[in-house]
Amino acid sequence: MSKIPEELKQYKDYAIVYGLVDPSTSMIRYIGKSIQGINRPYEHARESYLKEGNTPKNNWIKKLKRNNQMYSVVILFSIPKLGLSKSELNEIVYKKEQEFIAEYRKNNDNLLNLDDGGPGCTGRVLSEESRKKMSELGKNRDHTQLRLNCSAQKLSPEMQILRKEERREKAKLRN
């Protein structure tokens, strides 16, 4: 993992929304979130993490590394973790991440995020081939841990209503 710059170490006890910045253009290429503080943005460059998928973000980071470059991190939003539960922090950073992604997509067509942010892959459309591959992989997987992880991240009633409204709006746009 890359060394965290001194000026960003103050965010170790914060939930954050961050941007990964291209060293050549100084443009934000990816927007992410973390309730574990500043370590998360730097995990993207770990070899084990880069092997997980052939995504545009991972390919960009691999290219940077081949050229002996590294992205920088900019904090777009932060909130101290003190006194807030994990679900409250997630709720806050999900919403902020979605706001930043929407804002940057209006002004920047170079954003590498595959979805609209938040708790899951909203806005991402998979090909028929990808859906079949995922289906086959999922048939042999133990889903017990996945169900436990999902149930641990309960949304507030307000966020559940908001998510339901967002899904309805997206369904209307698709039809």
Protein backbone atom coordinates (compact mmCIF):
# COMPACT_ATOMS: atom_id res chain seq x y z
CA MET A 1 0.00 0.00 0.00
CA SER A 2 1.23 3.49 -0.81
CA LYS A 3 2.39 5.77 1.93
CA ILE A 4 -0.34 8.11 3.13
CA PRO A 5 0.68 11.78 2.88
CA GLU A 6 1.03 13.53 6.20
CA GLU A 7 -1.77 16.04 5.44
CA LEU A 8 -4.28 13.20 4.92
CA LYS A 9 -3.46 11.22 8.07
CA GLN A 10 -5.88 13.44 10.00
CA TYR A 11 -8.75 11.56 8.28
CA LYS A 12 -8.03 8.20 9.93
CA ASP A 13 -11.05 8.57 12.26
CA TYR A 14 -13.41 9.99 9.65
CA ALA A 15 -15.91 8.64 7.18
CA ILE A 16 -14.94 10.12 3.83
CA VAL A 17 -15.83 10.52 0.20
CA TYR A 18 -12.65 10.75 -1.84
CA GLY A 19 -11.44 11.24 -5.37
CA LEU A 20 -8.55 9.48 -7.07
CA VAL A 21 -6.68 12.10 -9.10
CA ASP A 22 -4.78 11.42 -12.33
CA PRO A 23 -1.17 12.64 -11.97
CA SER A 24 -1.01 13.64 -15.66
CA THR A 25 -4.21 15.68 -15.90
CA SER A 26 -4.97 16.56 -12.26
CA MET A 27 -8.54 15.41 -12.92
CA ILE A 28 -10.56 13.19 -10.60
CA ARG A 29 -10.96 9.82 -12.33
CA TYR A 30 -12.77 7.87 -9.61
CA ILE A 31 -14.96 8.75 -6.62
CA GLY A 32 -15.25 6.38 -3.67
CA LYS A 33 -16.31 6.26 -0.04
CA SER A 34 -14.94 4.85 3.19
CA ILE A 35 -16.15 4.59 6.75
CA GLN A 36 -12.77 3.16 7.75
CA GLY A 37 -10.91 6.39 7.17
CA ILE A 38 -8.05 7.29 4.87
CA ASN A 39 -6.61 3.79 4.30
CA ARG A 40 -9.33 2.77 1.84
CA PRO A 41 -8.36 5.07 -1.06
CA TYR A 42 -4.86 3.61 -1.04
CA GLU A 43 -6.06 -0.01 -1.07
CA HIS A 44 -7.08 0.41 -4.72
CA ALA A 45 -3.40 0.20 -5.71
CA ARG A 46 -2.68 -3.07 -3.88
CA GLU A 47 -1.75 -5.91 -6.24
CA SER A 48 -4.27 -8.26 -4.64
CA TYR A 49 -7.02 -5.70 -5.14
CA LEU A 50 -6.05 -5.04 -8.78
CA LYS A 51 -6.35 -8.77 -9.56
CA GLU A 52 -10.01 -8.79 -8.47
CA GLY A 53 -11.40 -7.42 -11.69
CA ASN A 54 -10.78 -6.00 -15.11
CA THR A 55 -12.57 -2.71 -14.43
CA PRO A 56 -11.77 0.66 -16.01
CA LYS A 57 -10.51 1.92 -12.63
CA ASN A 58 -8.25 -1.09 -12.10
CA ASN A 59 -6.93 -0.86 -15.67
CA TRP A 60 -6.17 2.85 -15.17
CA ILE A 61 -4.28 2.14 -11.92
CA LYS A 62 -2.36 -0.73 -13.55
CA LYS A 63 -1.35 1.62 -16.39
CA LEU A 64 -0.21 4.25 -13.88
CA LYS A 65 1.88 1.65 -12.07
CA ARG A 66 3.46 0.42 -15.33
CA ASN A 67 4.49 4.05 -15.95
CA ASN A 68 5.85 4.38 -12.40
CA GLN A 69 3.10 6.82 -11.48
CA MET A 70 0.56 6.89 -8.67
CA TYR A 71 -2.76 8.65 -8.28
CA SER A 72 -3.20 11.19 -5.52
CA VAL A 73 -6.16 11.36 -3.19
CA VAL A 74 -8.39 14.34 -2.56
CA ILE A 75 -10.98 14.41 0.21
CA LEU A 76 -14.33 15.62 -1.13
CA PHE A 77 -16.32 15.17 2.08
CA SER A 78 -15.52 14.08 5.62
CA ILE A 79 -17.42 13.54 8.84
CA PRO A 80 -15.98 12.41 12.20
CA LYS A 81 -17.00 8.85 13.13
CA LEU A 82 -17.50 9.71 16.80
CA GLY A 83 -21.01 9.02 18.07
CA LEU A 84 -22.37 7.63 14.80
CA SER A 85 -23.15 4.00 14.05
CA LYS A 86 -21.78 2.23 10.98
CA SER A 87 -25.21 2.30 9.35
CA GLU A 88 -25.56 6.05 10.00
CA LEU A 89 -22.10 6.69 8.57
CA ASN A 90 -22.83 4.50 5.54
CA GLU A 91 -26.09 6.31 4.94
CA ILE A 92 -24.36 9.69 4.99
CA VAL A 93 -21.41 8.75 2.77
CA TYR A 94 -23.61 6.79 0.31
CA LYS A 95 -25.68 9.91 -0.28
CA LYS A 96 -22.66 12.20 -0.54
CA GLU A 97 -20.85 9.80 -2.88
CA GLN A 98 -23.90 9.71 -5.17
CA GLU A 99 -24.09 13.53 -5.14
CA PHE A 100 -20.42 13.89 -6.07
CA ILE A 101 -20.59 11.26 -8.80
CA ALA A 102 -23.65 12.93 -10.32
CA GLU A 103 -21.98 16.36 -10.16
CA TYR A 104 -18.71 15.16 -11.68
CA ARG A 105 -20.49 13.21 -14.41
CA LYS A 106 -22.21 16.42 -15.48
CA ASN A 107 -18.84 18.09 -15.99
CA ASN A 108 -16.40 15.24 -16.59
CA ASP A 109 -16.80 12.35 -18.98
CA ASN A 110 -13.55 10.76 -17.74
CA LEU A 111 -14.98 9.42 -14.46
CA LEU A 112 -14.27 5.68 -14.19
CA ASN A 113 -17.01 4.74 -11.72
CA LEU A 114 -19.13 1.89 -13.09
CA ASP A 115 -22.22 2.87 -11.14
CA ASP A 116 -23.89 5.85 -9.50
CA GLY A 117 -22.49 5.17 -6.02
CA GLY A 118 -24.26 4.21 -2.83
CA PRO A 119 -24.90 0.72 -1.45
CA GLY A 120 -24.68 -1.35 -4.60
CA CYS A 121 -24.45 -1.12 -8.34
CA THR A 122 -27.10 1.43 -9.19
CA GLY A 123 -27.07 2.64 -12.75
CA ARG A 124 -24.84 -0.14 -14.09
CA VAL A 125 -26.26 -2.11 -17.00
CA LEU A 126 -24.80 -5.56 -17.51
CA SER A 127 -24.68 -7.35 -20.84
CA GLU A 128 -26.54 -10.63 -21.28
CA GLU A 129 -23.18 -12.43 -21.39
CA SER A 130 -22.09 -10.86 -18.09
CA ARG A 131 -25.38 -11.79 -16.41
CA LYS A 132 -24.99 -15.42 -17.54
CA LYS A 133 -21.42 -15.59 -16.23
CA MET A 134 -22.46 -14.10 -12.88
CA SER A 135 -25.36 -16.51 -12.67
CA GLU A 136 -23.08 -19.52 -13.24
CA LEU A 137 -20.55 -18.26 -10.69
CA GLY A 138 -23.29 -17.60 -8.15
CA LYS A 139 -24.71 -21.12 -8.38
CA ASN A 140 -21.59 -22.60 -6.79
CA ARG A 141 -21.12 -19.97 -4.10
CA ASP A 142 -22.00 -20.14 -0.40
CA HIS A 143 -24.40 -17.22 0.06
CA THR A 144 -24.55 -17.40 3.86
CA GLN A 145 -21.87 -14.73 4.41
CA LEU A 146 -23.37 -12.47 1.74
CA ARG A 147 -26.77 -12.55 3.47
CA LEU A 148 -25.10 -11.77 6.80
CA ASN A 149 -23.22 -8.80 5.30
CA CYS A 150 -26.35 -7.40 3.67
CA SER A 151 -28.50 -7.77 6.76
CA ALA A 152 -25.84 -6.01 8.86
CA GLN A 153 -26.23 -2.87 6.74
CA LYS A 154 -29.84 -1.92 7.44
CA LEU A 155 -30.95 1.40 6.01
CA SER A 156 -33.09 3.82 7.94
CA PRO A 157 -36.79 3.98 6.97
CA GLU A 158 -36.14 7.33 5.27
CA MET A 159 -33.30 5.88 3.17
CA GLN A 160 -35.44 2.83 2.30
CA ILE A 161 -38.15 5.17 0.96
CA LEU A 162 -35.54 7.20 -0.92
CA ARG A 163 -34.07 4.04 -2.49
CA LYS A 164 -37.53 2.82 -3.50
CA GLU A 165 -38.27 6.18 -5.14
CA GLU A 166 -34.92 6.11 -6.95
CA ARG A 167 -35.64 2.61 -8.28
CA ARG A 168 -39.08 3.73 -9.51
CA GLU A 169 -37.54 6.73 -11.29
CA LYS A 170 -34.92 4.57 -12.96
CA ALA A 171 -37.57 2.07 -14.03
CA LYS A 172 -39.57 4.92 -15.60
CA LEU A 173 -36.49 6.11 -17.49
CA ARG A 174 -35.82 2.60 -18.82
CA ASN A 175 -39.41 2.21 -20.12
